[in-house]
């Protein structure tokens, strides 16, 4: 079976560093889905405004492994990258078929010069991610509030306290700033990094957001520089 992208996702996060590890973790993060020319048909979206959430089926386009390379065992970041789990018991990007599945909130449908665009929130995708299909989220069949979640249930992600000095120039609007705080709270660093003196840089909204993390779990933004 040959599949081609029907659309592409666009957001303020151009690299993997900083992208939320799961959809829905940063509901303030807004992006949009623009369709390929052959799919810019408003009829294909008729009725979609009646759904609050959508499923996006997409491709791990930034995988750095060769096509077809995969392993039956992977090391989930939630376990510190030190414990192996079966690839099909995780959401690792390194799969036999590098496909992802994300639930996003539909904010609105916009009509523009290039056809309809879906404005969505809460995605865990990098800017430029190919979208292969879109399906509506149906609560009565898709939601399972009492379901077990394997190793995730006993390994909650530890969030950070984020400090942005009051005297620092912040070039973002309030909405983008709220999303940035949530992204940083989730700790975008690799789990094996714990050097409190190391300064990290994260591309966001055309700027390099620089920060370091103390041993006490406080993330301090030390600079915001235009790229």
N, C-alpha and C. Protein backbone atom coordinates (compact mmCIF):
# COMPACT_ATOMS: atom_id res chain seq x y z
N UNK A 1 0.84 -1.19 0.00
CA UNK A 1 0.00 0.00 0.00
C UNK A 1 0.87 1.24 0.00
N UNK A 2 0.57 2.16 -0.88
CA UNK A 2 1.29 3.42 -0.96
C UNK A 2 0.42 4.52 -0.37
N UNK A 3 0.94 5.29 0.58
CA UNK A 3 0.18 6.41 1.10
C UNK A 3 0.99 7.69 0.94
N UNK A 4 0.30 8.75 0.64
CA UNK A 4 0.91 10.06 0.46
C UNK A 4 0.24 11.05 1.40
N UNK A 5 0.96 12.09 1.81
CA UNK A 5 0.35 13.09 2.69
C UNK A 5 -0.85 13.77 2.03
N UNK A 6 -1.88 13.99 2.84
CA UNK A 6 -3.02 14.78 2.37
C UNK A 6 -2.88 16.23 2.84
N UNK A 7 -2.02 16.45 3.86
CA UNK A 7 -1.89 17.78 4.45
C UNK A 7 -0.57 17.84 5.22
N UNK A 8 -0.27 19.02 5.72
CA UNK A 8 0.90 19.22 6.58
C UNK A 8 0.50 20.06 7.78
N UNK A 9 1.14 19.74 8.92
CA UNK A 9 0.89 20.48 10.15
C UNK A 9 1.93 21.59 10.29
N UNK A 10 1.49 22.75 10.79
CA UNK A 10 2.39 23.90 10.96
C UNK A 10 2.21 24.48 12.36
N UNK A 11 3.35 24.81 13.00
CA UNK A 11 3.29 25.38 14.34
C UNK A 11 4.54 26.21 14.61
N UNK A 12 4.69 26.65 15.84
CA UNK A 12 5.81 27.50 16.25
C UNK A 12 7.02 26.70 16.70
N UNK A 13 6.98 25.36 16.58
CA UNK A 13 8.08 24.50 17.01
C UNK A 13 8.70 23.81 15.80
N UNK A 14 9.83 24.36 15.28
CA UNK A 14 10.41 23.82 14.05
C UNK A 14 11.32 22.61 14.23
N UNK A 15 11.65 22.26 15.48
CA UNK A 15 12.51 21.10 15.75
C UNK A 15 11.85 20.20 16.78
N UNK A 16 12.37 18.97 16.91
CA UNK A 16 11.80 18.03 17.87
C UNK A 16 11.98 18.48 19.31
N UNK A 17 13.06 19.22 19.58
CA UNK A 17 13.35 19.65 20.94
C UNK A 17 12.27 20.63 21.41
N UNK A 18 11.53 20.27 22.42
CA UNK A 18 10.47 21.12 22.94
C UNK A 18 9.08 20.65 22.57
N UNK A 19 8.95 19.81 21.56
CA UNK A 19 7.63 19.32 21.18
C UNK A 19 7.07 18.46 22.32
N UNK A 20 5.83 18.70 22.77
CA UNK A 20 5.25 17.88 23.84
C UNK A 20 5.34 16.39 23.52
N UNK A 21 5.56 15.59 24.55
CA UNK A 21 5.76 14.16 24.34
C UNK A 21 4.47 13.41 24.03
N UNK A 22 3.33 14.03 24.29
CA UNK A 22 2.05 13.44 23.95
C UNK A 22 1.10 14.57 23.58
N UNK A 23 0.10 14.25 22.78
CA UNK A 23 -0.90 15.26 22.46
C UNK A 23 -1.74 15.56 23.69
N UNK A 24 -2.24 16.78 23.77
CA UNK A 24 -3.10 17.18 24.87
C UNK A 24 -2.37 17.70 26.09
N UNK A 25 -1.05 17.54 26.17
CA UNK A 25 -0.31 17.99 27.35
C UNK A 25 -0.18 19.51 27.39
N UNK A 26 -0.17 20.14 26.21
CA UNK A 26 -0.10 21.61 26.14
C UNK A 26 -1.28 22.09 25.30
N UNK A 27 -2.46 22.17 25.92
CA UNK A 27 -3.65 22.57 25.16
C UNK A 27 -3.58 24.00 24.64
N UNK A 28 -2.65 24.80 25.18
CA UNK A 28 -2.50 26.18 24.72
C UNK A 28 -1.71 26.29 23.42
N UNK A 29 -1.07 25.21 23.01
CA UNK A 29 -0.24 25.24 21.80
C UNK A 29 -1.11 25.11 20.56
N UNK A 30 -1.14 26.17 19.77
CA UNK A 30 -2.02 26.22 18.60
C UNK A 30 -1.21 26.04 17.32
N UNK A 31 -1.74 25.29 16.38
CA UNK A 31 -1.14 25.11 15.06
C UNK A 31 -2.25 24.98 14.04
N UNK A 32 -1.86 24.69 12.82
CA UNK A 32 -2.90 24.53 11.79
C UNK A 32 -2.50 23.47 10.78
N UNK A 33 -3.52 22.90 10.17
CA UNK A 33 -3.34 21.85 9.17
C UNK A 33 -3.74 22.42 7.81
N UNK A 34 -2.78 22.46 6.88
CA UNK A 34 -3.06 22.95 5.52
C UNK A 34 -3.02 21.78 4.55
N UNK A 35 -3.96 21.74 3.63
CA UNK A 35 -4.13 20.59 2.75
C UNK A 35 -3.31 20.72 1.47
N UNK A 36 -2.95 19.56 0.93
CA UNK A 36 -2.32 19.52 -0.39
C UNK A 36 -3.35 19.97 -1.44
N UNK A 37 -2.89 20.52 -2.58
CA UNK A 37 -3.82 21.09 -3.56
C UNK A 37 -4.98 20.18 -3.95
N UNK A 38 -4.72 18.89 -4.12
CA UNK A 38 -5.78 17.99 -4.59
C UNK A 38 -6.84 17.71 -3.51
N UNK A 39 -6.56 18.13 -2.24
CA UNK A 39 -7.51 17.89 -1.16
C UNK A 39 -8.10 19.19 -0.61
N UNK A 40 -7.87 20.29 -1.30
CA UNK A 40 -8.42 21.58 -0.85
C UNK A 40 -9.85 21.74 -1.33
N UNK A 41 -10.68 20.89 -0.78
CA UNK A 41 -12.09 20.86 -1.17
C UNK A 41 -12.93 20.97 0.09
N UNK A 42 -13.68 22.04 0.20
CA UNK A 42 -14.49 22.26 1.41
C UNK A 42 -15.49 21.14 1.65
N UNK A 43 -15.93 20.47 0.59
CA UNK A 43 -16.89 19.39 0.76
C UNK A 43 -16.33 18.26 1.62
N UNK A 44 -15.01 18.05 1.56
CA UNK A 44 -14.41 16.95 2.32
C UNK A 44 -14.42 17.23 3.83
N UNK A 45 -14.70 18.49 4.22
CA UNK A 45 -14.75 18.85 5.64
C UNK A 45 -16.18 19.15 6.10
N UNK A 46 -17.15 18.91 5.27
CA UNK A 46 -18.53 19.21 5.63
C UNK A 46 -18.93 18.45 6.90
N UNK A 47 -19.38 19.18 7.91
CA UNK A 47 -19.80 18.58 9.17
C UNK A 47 -18.71 18.49 10.22
N UNK A 48 -17.46 18.81 9.88
CA UNK A 48 -16.37 18.62 10.83
C UNK A 48 -16.46 19.59 12.01
N UNK A 49 -17.11 20.76 11.80
CA UNK A 49 -17.23 21.73 12.88
C UNK A 49 -18.06 21.20 14.05
N UNK A 50 -18.78 20.12 13.83
CA UNK A 50 -19.59 19.53 14.90
C UNK A 50 -18.78 18.67 15.86
N UNK A 51 -17.50 18.49 15.60
CA UNK A 51 -16.65 17.67 16.46
C UNK A 51 -15.66 18.57 17.20
N UNK A 52 -15.50 18.32 18.50
CA UNK A 52 -14.54 19.10 19.30
C UNK A 52 -13.12 18.63 19.11
N UNK A 53 -12.94 17.33 18.84
CA UNK A 53 -11.59 16.76 18.71
C UNK A 53 -11.49 15.94 17.43
N UNK A 54 -10.25 15.86 16.95
CA UNK A 54 -9.96 15.08 15.75
C UNK A 54 -8.77 14.16 16.03
N UNK A 55 -8.73 13.05 15.31
CA UNK A 55 -7.55 12.19 15.28
C UNK A 55 -6.72 12.56 14.05
N UNK A 56 -5.43 12.80 14.24
CA UNK A 56 -4.50 13.00 13.13
C UNK A 56 -3.62 11.77 13.01
N UNK A 57 -3.55 11.20 11.84
CA UNK A 57 -2.63 10.11 11.54
C UNK A 57 -1.49 10.70 10.73
N UNK A 58 -0.28 10.59 11.25
CA UNK A 58 0.83 11.37 10.69
C UNK A 58 2.11 10.55 10.65
N UNK A 59 3.15 11.13 10.07
CA UNK A 59 4.41 10.41 9.90
C UNK A 59 5.53 11.03 10.71
N UNK A 60 6.37 10.17 11.31
CA UNK A 60 7.57 10.62 12.01
C UNK A 60 8.62 11.02 10.98
N UNK A 61 8.46 12.21 10.43
CA UNK A 61 9.28 12.63 9.29
C UNK A 61 10.71 12.96 9.65
N UNK A 62 11.02 13.17 10.94
CA UNK A 62 12.38 13.54 11.34
C UNK A 62 13.15 12.38 11.95
N UNK A 63 12.63 11.16 11.82
CA UNK A 63 13.40 10.00 12.30
C UNK A 63 14.77 9.99 11.65
N UNK A 64 15.81 9.75 12.45
CA UNK A 64 17.16 9.74 11.90
C UNK A 64 17.67 8.33 11.63
N UNK A 65 16.80 7.35 11.72
CA UNK A 65 17.20 5.99 11.36
C UNK A 65 16.84 5.71 9.91
N UNK A 66 17.52 4.75 9.32
CA UNK A 66 17.25 4.40 7.93
C UNK A 66 15.85 3.81 7.81
N UNK A 67 15.26 4.00 6.65
CA UNK A 67 13.92 3.49 6.40
C UNK A 67 13.86 1.99 6.67
N UNK A 68 12.86 1.57 7.44
CA UNK A 68 12.68 0.16 7.75
C UNK A 68 13.42 -0.30 8.98
N UNK A 69 14.31 0.56 9.55
CA UNK A 69 15.06 0.17 10.73
C UNK A 69 14.18 0.29 11.97
N UNK A 70 14.12 -0.79 12.76
CA UNK A 70 13.34 -0.75 13.98
C UNK A 70 13.87 -1.80 14.92
N UNK A 71 13.45 -1.73 16.18
CA UNK A 71 13.88 -2.69 17.18
C UNK A 71 12.66 -3.15 17.96
N UNK A 72 12.60 -4.43 18.34
CA UNK A 72 11.46 -4.90 19.13
C UNK A 72 11.44 -4.31 20.54
N UNK A 73 12.59 -3.80 21.01
CA UNK A 73 12.68 -3.20 22.33
C UNK A 73 13.11 -1.73 22.21
N UNK A 74 12.48 -0.87 22.98
CA UNK A 74 12.82 0.56 23.00
C UNK A 74 12.89 1.01 24.46
N UNK A 75 13.45 2.21 24.66
CA UNK A 75 13.60 2.75 26.02
C UNK A 75 12.76 4.02 26.15
N UNK A 76 11.56 3.93 26.73
CA UNK A 76 10.68 5.09 26.84
C UNK A 76 11.29 6.19 27.70
N UNK A 77 11.18 7.46 27.29
CA UNK A 77 11.69 8.58 28.10
C UNK A 77 11.05 8.64 29.49
N UNK A 78 9.79 8.23 29.60
CA UNK A 78 9.10 8.28 30.89
C UNK A 78 9.78 7.40 31.93
N UNK A 79 10.50 6.38 31.48
CA UNK A 79 11.23 5.48 32.38
C UNK A 79 12.69 5.89 32.51
N UNK A 80 12.99 7.13 32.11
CA UNK A 80 14.35 7.65 32.23
C UNK A 80 15.29 7.19 31.14
N UNK A 81 14.77 6.48 30.15
CA UNK A 81 15.63 5.99 29.08
C UNK A 81 16.54 4.85 29.50
N UNK A 82 16.22 4.23 30.65
CA UNK A 82 17.09 3.18 31.18
C UNK A 82 16.44 1.80 31.20
N UNK A 83 15.17 1.72 30.87
CA UNK A 83 14.45 0.46 30.95
C UNK A 83 13.81 0.14 29.61
N UNK A 84 13.88 -1.11 29.20
CA UNK A 84 13.35 -1.53 27.91
C UNK A 84 11.89 -1.95 28.01
N UNK A 85 11.14 -1.61 26.98
CA UNK A 85 9.77 -2.07 26.81
C UNK A 85 9.59 -2.49 25.35
N UNK A 86 8.60 -3.33 25.09
CA UNK A 86 8.32 -3.72 23.72
C UNK A 86 7.82 -2.53 22.91
N UNK A 87 8.26 -2.42 21.69
CA UNK A 87 7.91 -1.27 20.87
C UNK A 87 6.40 -1.09 20.75
N UNK A 88 5.65 -2.20 20.72
CA UNK A 88 4.20 -2.09 20.56
C UNK A 88 3.50 -1.79 21.88
N UNK A 89 4.28 -1.74 22.98
CA UNK A 89 3.74 -1.32 24.28
C UNK A 89 4.12 0.14 24.56
N UNK A 90 4.63 0.83 23.54
CA UNK A 90 5.06 2.22 23.70
C UNK A 90 4.58 3.04 22.50
N UNK A 91 4.88 4.34 22.56
CA UNK A 91 4.60 5.23 21.44
C UNK A 91 5.89 5.72 20.81
N UNK A 92 6.90 4.91 20.87
CA UNK A 92 8.19 5.24 20.28
C UNK A 92 8.05 5.57 18.80
N UNK A 93 8.82 6.55 18.29
CA UNK A 93 8.76 6.86 16.86
C UNK A 93 9.45 5.82 15.98
N UNK A 94 10.28 4.98 16.58
CA UNK A 94 11.05 4.03 15.79
C UNK A 94 10.30 2.70 15.71
N UNK A 95 9.39 2.65 14.72
CA UNK A 95 8.46 1.55 14.57
C UNK A 95 8.63 0.92 13.18
N UNK A 96 8.08 -0.28 12.96
CA UNK A 96 8.15 -0.85 11.60
C UNK A 96 7.58 0.09 10.55
N UNK A 97 6.45 0.71 10.86
CA UNK A 97 5.88 1.77 10.02
C UNK A 97 5.84 3.04 10.87
N UNK A 98 6.62 4.06 10.51
CA UNK A 98 6.76 5.24 11.38
C UNK A 98 5.54 6.16 11.34
N UNK A 99 4.42 5.66 11.87
CA UNK A 99 3.18 6.42 11.89
C UNK A 99 2.82 6.80 13.31
N UNK A 100 2.29 8.01 13.48
CA UNK A 100 1.84 8.49 14.77
C UNK A 100 0.35 8.75 14.76
N UNK A 101 -0.24 8.80 15.95
CA UNK A 101 -1.67 9.05 16.11
C UNK A 101 -1.83 10.07 17.23
N UNK A 102 -2.49 11.18 16.95
CA UNK A 102 -2.65 12.24 17.95
C UNK A 102 -4.08 12.76 17.96
N UNK A 103 -4.57 13.03 19.16
CA UNK A 103 -5.87 13.65 19.32
C UNK A 103 -5.67 15.15 19.55
N UNK A 104 -6.29 15.97 18.73
CA UNK A 104 -6.15 17.42 18.84
C UNK A 104 -7.53 18.07 18.93
N UNK A 105 -7.58 19.23 19.55
CA UNK A 105 -8.85 19.97 19.65
C UNK A 105 -9.02 20.83 18.40
N UNK A 106 -10.18 20.74 17.81
CA UNK A 106 -10.49 21.58 16.65
C UNK A 106 -11.02 22.92 17.13
N UNK A 107 -10.29 23.99 16.81
CA UNK A 107 -10.72 25.33 17.21
C UNK A 107 -11.69 25.90 16.18
N UNK A 108 -11.29 25.81 14.91
CA UNK A 108 -12.17 26.34 13.86
C UNK A 108 -11.64 25.91 12.50
N UNK A 109 -12.46 26.10 11.50
CA UNK A 109 -12.06 25.92 10.10
C UNK A 109 -11.99 27.31 9.47
N UNK A 110 -10.85 27.60 8.84
CA UNK A 110 -10.68 28.89 8.17
C UNK A 110 -10.61 28.68 6.66
N UNK A 111 -11.22 29.58 5.93
CA UNK A 111 -11.13 29.57 4.48
C UNK A 111 -10.13 30.63 4.04
N UNK A 112 -9.18 30.24 3.19
CA UNK A 112 -8.17 31.18 2.72
C UNK A 112 -7.90 31.01 1.25
N UNK A 113 -6.84 31.66 0.78
CA UNK A 113 -6.49 31.61 -0.64
C UNK A 113 -6.08 30.21 -1.07
N UNK A 114 -5.65 29.37 -0.10
CA UNK A 114 -5.23 28.00 -0.41
C UNK A 114 -6.22 26.98 0.12
N UNK A 115 -7.49 27.38 0.15
CA UNK A 115 -8.52 26.44 0.58
C UNK A 115 -8.71 26.41 2.07
N UNK A 116 -9.46 25.42 2.58
CA UNK A 116 -9.76 25.34 4.01
C UNK A 116 -8.53 24.94 4.83
N UNK A 117 -8.44 25.51 6.01
CA UNK A 117 -7.36 25.21 6.95
C UNK A 117 -7.99 24.87 8.29
N UNK A 118 -7.48 23.83 8.94
CA UNK A 118 -7.95 23.45 10.27
C UNK A 118 -7.04 24.07 11.31
N UNK A 119 -7.60 24.90 12.17
CA UNK A 119 -6.85 25.45 13.30
C UNK A 119 -7.09 24.53 14.50
N UNK A 120 -6.01 23.98 15.05
CA UNK A 120 -6.12 22.96 16.09
C UNK A 120 -5.23 23.31 17.27
N UNK A 121 -5.46 22.66 18.40
CA UNK A 121 -4.68 22.91 19.60
C UNK A 121 -4.31 21.60 20.27
N UNK A 122 -3.16 21.63 20.96
CA UNK A 122 -2.74 20.47 21.75
C UNK A 122 -1.98 19.40 21.01
N UNK A 123 -1.45 19.72 19.83
CA UNK A 123 -0.74 18.69 19.05
C UNK A 123 0.67 18.46 19.61
N UNK A 124 1.19 17.29 19.34
CA UNK A 124 2.56 16.92 19.72
C UNK A 124 3.41 16.71 18.46
N UNK A 125 3.24 17.59 17.50
CA UNK A 125 3.89 17.45 16.20
C UNK A 125 4.84 18.61 15.93
N UNK A 126 5.90 18.32 15.22
CA UNK A 126 6.84 19.36 14.80
C UNK A 126 6.30 20.06 13.56
N UNK A 127 6.70 21.30 13.38
CA UNK A 127 6.28 22.04 12.19
C UNK A 127 6.69 21.29 10.93
N UNK A 128 5.77 21.16 9.98
CA UNK A 128 6.05 20.47 8.73
C UNK A 128 5.75 18.99 8.73
N UNK A 129 5.13 18.49 9.80
CA UNK A 129 4.80 17.06 9.87
C UNK A 129 3.76 16.68 8.81
N UNK A 130 3.99 15.62 8.05
CA UNK A 130 3.00 15.18 7.06
C UNK A 130 1.80 14.51 7.74
N UNK A 131 0.61 14.85 7.30
CA UNK A 131 -0.62 14.26 7.80
C UNK A 131 -1.16 13.31 6.73
N UNK A 132 -1.43 12.05 7.12
CA UNK A 132 -1.90 11.05 6.17
C UNK A 132 -3.40 10.84 6.20
N UNK A 133 -4.03 11.15 7.31
CA UNK A 133 -5.48 11.03 7.39
C UNK A 133 -5.98 11.81 8.59
N UNK A 134 -7.26 12.15 8.56
CA UNK A 134 -7.93 12.88 9.64
C UNK A 134 -9.26 12.19 9.89
N UNK A 135 -9.53 11.90 11.16
CA UNK A 135 -10.79 11.25 11.52
C UNK A 135 -11.37 11.97 12.74
N UNK A 136 -12.69 12.01 12.86
CA UNK A 136 -13.29 12.66 14.03
C UNK A 136 -13.12 11.80 15.28
N UNK A 137 -12.91 12.47 16.40
CA UNK A 137 -12.88 11.82 17.71
C UNK A 137 -14.32 11.67 18.18
N UNK A 138 -14.71 10.44 18.51
CA UNK A 138 -16.08 10.15 18.92
C UNK A 138 -16.05 9.68 20.38
N UNK A 139 -16.59 10.48 21.27
CA UNK A 139 -16.42 10.25 22.71
C UNK A 139 -16.98 8.90 23.17
N UNK A 140 -18.15 8.48 22.65
CA UNK A 140 -18.78 7.28 23.20
C UNK A 140 -17.97 6.02 22.92
N UNK A 141 -17.14 6.04 21.88
CA UNK A 141 -16.35 4.85 21.57
C UNK A 141 -14.85 5.06 21.78
N UNK A 142 -14.39 6.30 21.69
CA UNK A 142 -12.95 6.55 21.77
C UNK A 142 -12.46 6.82 23.19
N UNK A 143 -13.34 7.23 24.10
CA UNK A 143 -12.93 7.57 25.46
C UNK A 143 -13.11 6.38 26.39
N UNK A 144 -12.05 6.10 27.17
CA UNK A 144 -12.09 5.00 28.14
C UNK A 144 -11.46 5.50 29.45
N UNK A 145 -12.18 6.30 30.22
CA UNK A 145 -11.59 6.97 31.40
C UNK A 145 -11.03 6.02 32.45
N UNK A 146 -11.56 4.82 32.56
CA UNK A 146 -11.10 3.89 33.61
C UNK A 146 -10.07 2.89 33.11
N UNK A 147 -9.58 3.07 31.89
CA UNK A 147 -8.64 2.10 31.31
C UNK A 147 -7.28 2.17 31.99
N UNK A 148 -6.63 1.01 32.11
CA UNK A 148 -5.25 0.97 32.60
C UNK A 148 -4.30 1.48 31.52
N UNK A 149 -3.17 2.05 31.95
CA UNK A 149 -2.19 2.60 31.01
C UNK A 149 -0.80 2.05 31.24
N UNK A 150 -0.71 0.79 31.65
CA UNK A 150 0.57 0.11 31.77
C UNK A 150 1.56 0.86 32.66
N UNK A 151 2.80 0.92 32.21
CA UNK A 151 3.85 1.56 33.02
C UNK A 151 3.63 3.06 33.21
N UNK A 152 2.77 3.65 32.38
CA UNK A 152 2.49 5.08 32.51
C UNK A 152 1.79 5.39 33.83
N UNK A 153 0.94 4.46 34.30
CA UNK A 153 0.18 4.69 35.54
C UNK A 153 1.09 4.88 36.75
N UNK A 154 2.21 4.20 36.77
CA UNK A 154 3.08 4.25 37.95
C UNK A 154 4.32 5.11 37.74
N UNK A 155 4.36 5.84 36.64
CA UNK A 155 5.52 6.70 36.36
C UNK A 155 5.03 8.04 35.82
N UNK A 156 4.57 8.88 36.73
CA UNK A 156 4.05 10.17 36.32
C UNK A 156 5.20 11.09 35.93
N UNK A 157 4.95 11.91 34.89
CA UNK A 157 5.97 12.84 34.42
C UNK A 157 6.13 13.97 35.43
N UNK A 158 7.38 14.25 35.83
CA UNK A 158 7.65 15.30 36.79
C UNK A 158 7.78 16.65 36.08
N UNK A 159 6.97 17.60 36.48
CA UNK A 159 7.02 18.93 35.87
C UNK A 159 7.99 19.84 36.61
N UNK A 160 8.39 20.91 35.94
CA UNK A 160 9.34 21.87 36.50
C UNK A 160 8.64 23.18 36.84
N UNK A 161 9.23 23.92 37.77
CA UNK A 161 8.80 25.30 38.02
C UNK A 161 9.55 26.20 37.04
N UNK A 162 8.81 27.01 36.30
CA UNK A 162 9.41 27.86 35.27
C UNK A 162 9.50 29.30 35.76
N UNK A 163 10.70 29.87 35.63
CA UNK A 163 10.93 31.25 36.03
C UNK A 163 11.42 32.03 34.81
N UNK A 164 10.67 33.08 34.48
CA UNK A 164 11.08 34.02 33.43
C UNK A 164 11.26 35.37 34.11
N UNK A 165 12.49 35.86 34.23
CA UNK A 165 12.72 37.12 34.97
C UNK A 165 11.83 38.25 34.48
N UNK A 166 11.33 39.04 35.42
CA UNK A 166 10.42 40.12 35.07
C UNK A 166 11.06 41.17 34.18
N UNK A 167 12.37 41.35 34.31
CA UNK A 167 13.05 42.39 33.52
C UNK A 167 13.49 41.89 32.14
N UNK A 168 13.16 40.64 31.81
CA UNK A 168 13.56 40.09 30.51
C UNK A 168 12.55 40.50 29.44
N UNK A 169 13.07 40.92 28.30
CA UNK A 169 12.18 41.25 27.19
C UNK A 169 11.61 39.96 26.61
N UNK A 170 10.29 39.86 26.60
CA UNK A 170 9.61 38.69 26.06
C UNK A 170 8.86 39.11 24.79
N UNK A 171 9.30 38.64 23.63
CA UNK A 171 8.73 39.11 22.35
C UNK A 171 7.44 38.41 21.94
N UNK A 172 6.83 37.64 22.84
CA UNK A 172 5.64 36.88 22.49
C UNK A 172 4.38 37.54 23.06
N UNK A 173 3.25 37.28 22.44
CA UNK A 173 1.97 37.67 22.99
C UNK A 173 1.61 36.77 24.15
N UNK A 174 0.52 37.09 24.84
CA UNK A 174 0.13 36.34 26.03
C UNK A 174 -0.16 34.87 25.72
N UNK A 175 -0.83 34.59 24.60
CA UNK A 175 -1.17 33.21 24.26
C UNK A 175 0.07 32.37 24.01
N UNK A 176 1.01 32.92 23.23
CA UNK A 176 2.24 32.18 22.94
C UNK A 176 3.09 32.01 24.20
N UNK A 177 3.05 33.01 25.09
CA UNK A 177 3.81 32.91 26.33
C UNK A 177 3.25 31.83 27.23
N UNK A 178 1.92 31.73 27.31
CA UNK A 178 1.31 30.66 28.11
C UNK A 178 1.68 29.28 27.57
N UNK A 179 1.67 29.14 26.26
CA UNK A 179 2.05 27.85 25.66
C UNK A 179 3.52 27.54 25.93
N UNK A 180 4.38 28.56 25.84
CA UNK A 180 5.80 28.36 26.12
C UNK A 180 6.02 27.88 27.55
N UNK A 181 5.34 28.49 28.50
CA UNK A 181 5.49 28.07 29.89
C UNK A 181 5.12 26.61 30.07
N UNK A 182 4.01 26.19 29.46
CA UNK A 182 3.57 24.80 29.59
C UNK A 182 4.60 23.84 28.96
N UNK A 183 5.15 24.23 27.81
CA UNK A 183 6.15 23.40 27.15
C UNK A 183 7.38 23.23 28.05
N UNK A 184 7.83 24.32 28.66
CA UNK A 184 9.01 24.27 29.52
C UNK A 184 8.73 23.52 30.82
N UNK A 185 7.52 23.63 31.34
CA UNK A 185 7.15 22.89 32.55
C UNK A 185 7.32 21.38 32.35
N UNK A 186 7.10 20.91 31.13
CA UNK A 186 7.19 19.47 30.84
C UNK A 186 8.62 18.98 30.70
N UNK A 187 9.60 19.90 30.79
CA UNK A 187 11.03 19.56 30.73
C UNK A 187 11.41 18.94 29.39
N UNK A 188 11.76 19.78 28.41
CA UNK A 188 12.10 19.26 27.08
C UNK A 188 13.46 18.57 26.99
N UNK A 189 14.25 18.61 28.05
CA UNK A 189 15.58 17.99 28.02
C UNK A 189 15.50 16.47 27.91
N UNK A 190 16.52 15.83 27.31
CA UNK A 190 16.62 14.36 27.41
C UNK A 190 16.70 13.97 28.88
N UNK A 191 16.11 12.85 29.24
CA UNK A 191 16.02 12.47 30.64
C UNK A 191 17.36 12.17 31.30
N UNK A 192 18.39 11.90 30.51
CA UNK A 192 19.68 11.60 31.10
C UNK A 192 20.53 12.86 31.30
N UNK A 193 19.99 14.04 30.99
CA UNK A 193 20.71 15.29 31.20
C UNK A 193 20.34 15.86 32.57
N UNK A 194 21.35 16.15 33.39
CA UNK A 194 21.07 16.72 34.72
C UNK A 194 22.14 17.71 35.16
N UNK A 195 22.82 18.36 34.20
CA UNK A 195 23.84 19.33 34.52
C UNK A 195 23.19 20.69 34.77
N UNK A 196 23.20 21.19 36.01
CA UNK A 196 22.52 22.46 36.31
C UNK A 196 23.17 23.68 35.68
N UNK A 197 24.39 23.53 35.18
CA UNK A 197 25.09 24.66 34.56
C UNK A 197 24.90 24.71 33.05
N UNK A 198 24.39 23.66 32.50
CA UNK A 198 24.24 23.61 31.04
C UNK A 198 23.08 24.50 30.59
N UNK A 199 23.33 25.29 29.54
CA UNK A 199 22.30 26.15 28.97
C UNK A 199 21.78 25.49 27.69
N UNK A 200 20.46 25.32 27.62
CA UNK A 200 19.82 24.71 26.47
C UNK A 200 19.16 25.79 25.62
N UNK A 201 19.01 25.50 24.34
CA UNK A 201 18.32 26.40 23.44
C UNK A 201 17.17 25.69 22.76
N UNK A 202 16.00 26.32 22.72
CA UNK A 202 14.82 25.73 22.09
C UNK A 202 14.23 26.74 21.11
N UNK A 203 14.05 26.32 19.86
CA UNK A 203 13.48 27.20 18.85
C UNK A 203 11.97 27.30 19.06
N UNK A 204 11.49 28.54 19.12
CA UNK A 204 10.07 28.76 19.38
C UNK A 204 9.66 30.11 18.80
N UNK A 205 8.69 30.10 17.92
CA UNK A 205 8.14 31.33 17.33
C UNK A 205 9.22 32.21 16.71
N UNK A 206 10.24 31.60 16.11
CA UNK A 206 11.28 32.36 15.46
C UNK A 206 12.37 32.88 16.40
N UNK A 207 12.37 32.41 17.64
CA UNK A 207 13.37 32.83 18.63
C UNK A 207 14.05 31.61 19.24
N UNK A 208 15.23 31.83 19.78
CA UNK A 208 15.95 30.80 20.52
C UNK A 208 15.73 31.08 22.00
N UNK A 209 14.95 30.23 22.65
CA UNK A 209 14.68 30.38 24.08
C UNK A 209 15.74 29.59 24.84
N UNK A 210 16.56 30.30 25.61
CA UNK A 210 17.67 29.67 26.32
C UNK A 210 17.34 29.52 27.79
N UNK A 211 17.66 28.35 28.35
CA UNK A 211 17.30 28.09 29.74
C UNK A 211 18.26 27.09 30.37
N UNK A 212 18.23 27.05 31.69
CA UNK A 212 18.94 26.01 32.43
C UNK A 212 18.03 25.51 33.54
N UNK A 213 18.35 24.33 34.07
CA UNK A 213 17.49 23.69 35.07
C UNK A 213 18.33 23.36 36.30
N UNK A 214 17.89 23.84 37.46
CA UNK A 214 18.62 23.59 38.70
C UNK A 214 18.34 22.18 39.21
N UNK A 215 19.14 21.76 40.18
CA UNK A 215 18.95 20.45 40.79
C UNK A 215 17.64 20.38 41.57
N UNK A 216 17.07 21.54 41.90
CA UNK A 216 15.82 21.59 42.65
C UNK A 216 14.60 21.55 41.74
N UNK A 217 14.81 21.42 40.43
CA UNK A 217 13.68 21.34 39.51
C UNK A 217 13.11 22.67 39.11
N UNK A 218 13.94 23.71 39.11
CA UNK A 218 13.50 25.04 38.68
C UNK A 218 14.15 25.34 37.33
N UNK A 219 13.32 25.61 36.34
CA UNK A 219 13.82 25.98 35.01
C UNK A 219 13.81 27.50 34.90
N UNK A 220 14.98 28.07 34.65
CA UNK A 220 15.09 29.53 34.52
C UNK A 220 15.44 29.89 33.10
N UNK A 221 14.62 30.74 32.49
CA UNK A 221 14.92 31.26 31.16
C UNK A 221 16.00 32.33 31.32
N UNK A 222 17.11 32.16 30.59
CA UNK A 222 18.23 33.09 30.73
C UNK A 222 18.39 34.00 29.51
N UNK A 223 17.63 33.76 28.47
CA UNK A 223 17.73 34.61 27.30
C UNK A 223 16.72 34.20 26.23
N UNK A 224 16.26 35.18 25.45
CA UNK A 224 15.39 34.93 24.31
C UNK A 224 15.95 35.74 23.16
N UNK A 225 16.51 35.03 22.17
CA UNK A 225 17.27 35.67 21.10
C UNK A 225 16.63 35.36 19.75
N UNK A 226 16.48 36.36 18.92
CA UNK A 226 15.89 36.16 17.61
C UNK A 226 16.79 35.29 16.75
N UNK A 227 16.21 34.34 16.05
CA UNK A 227 16.97 33.44 15.19
C UNK A 227 17.32 34.10 13.87
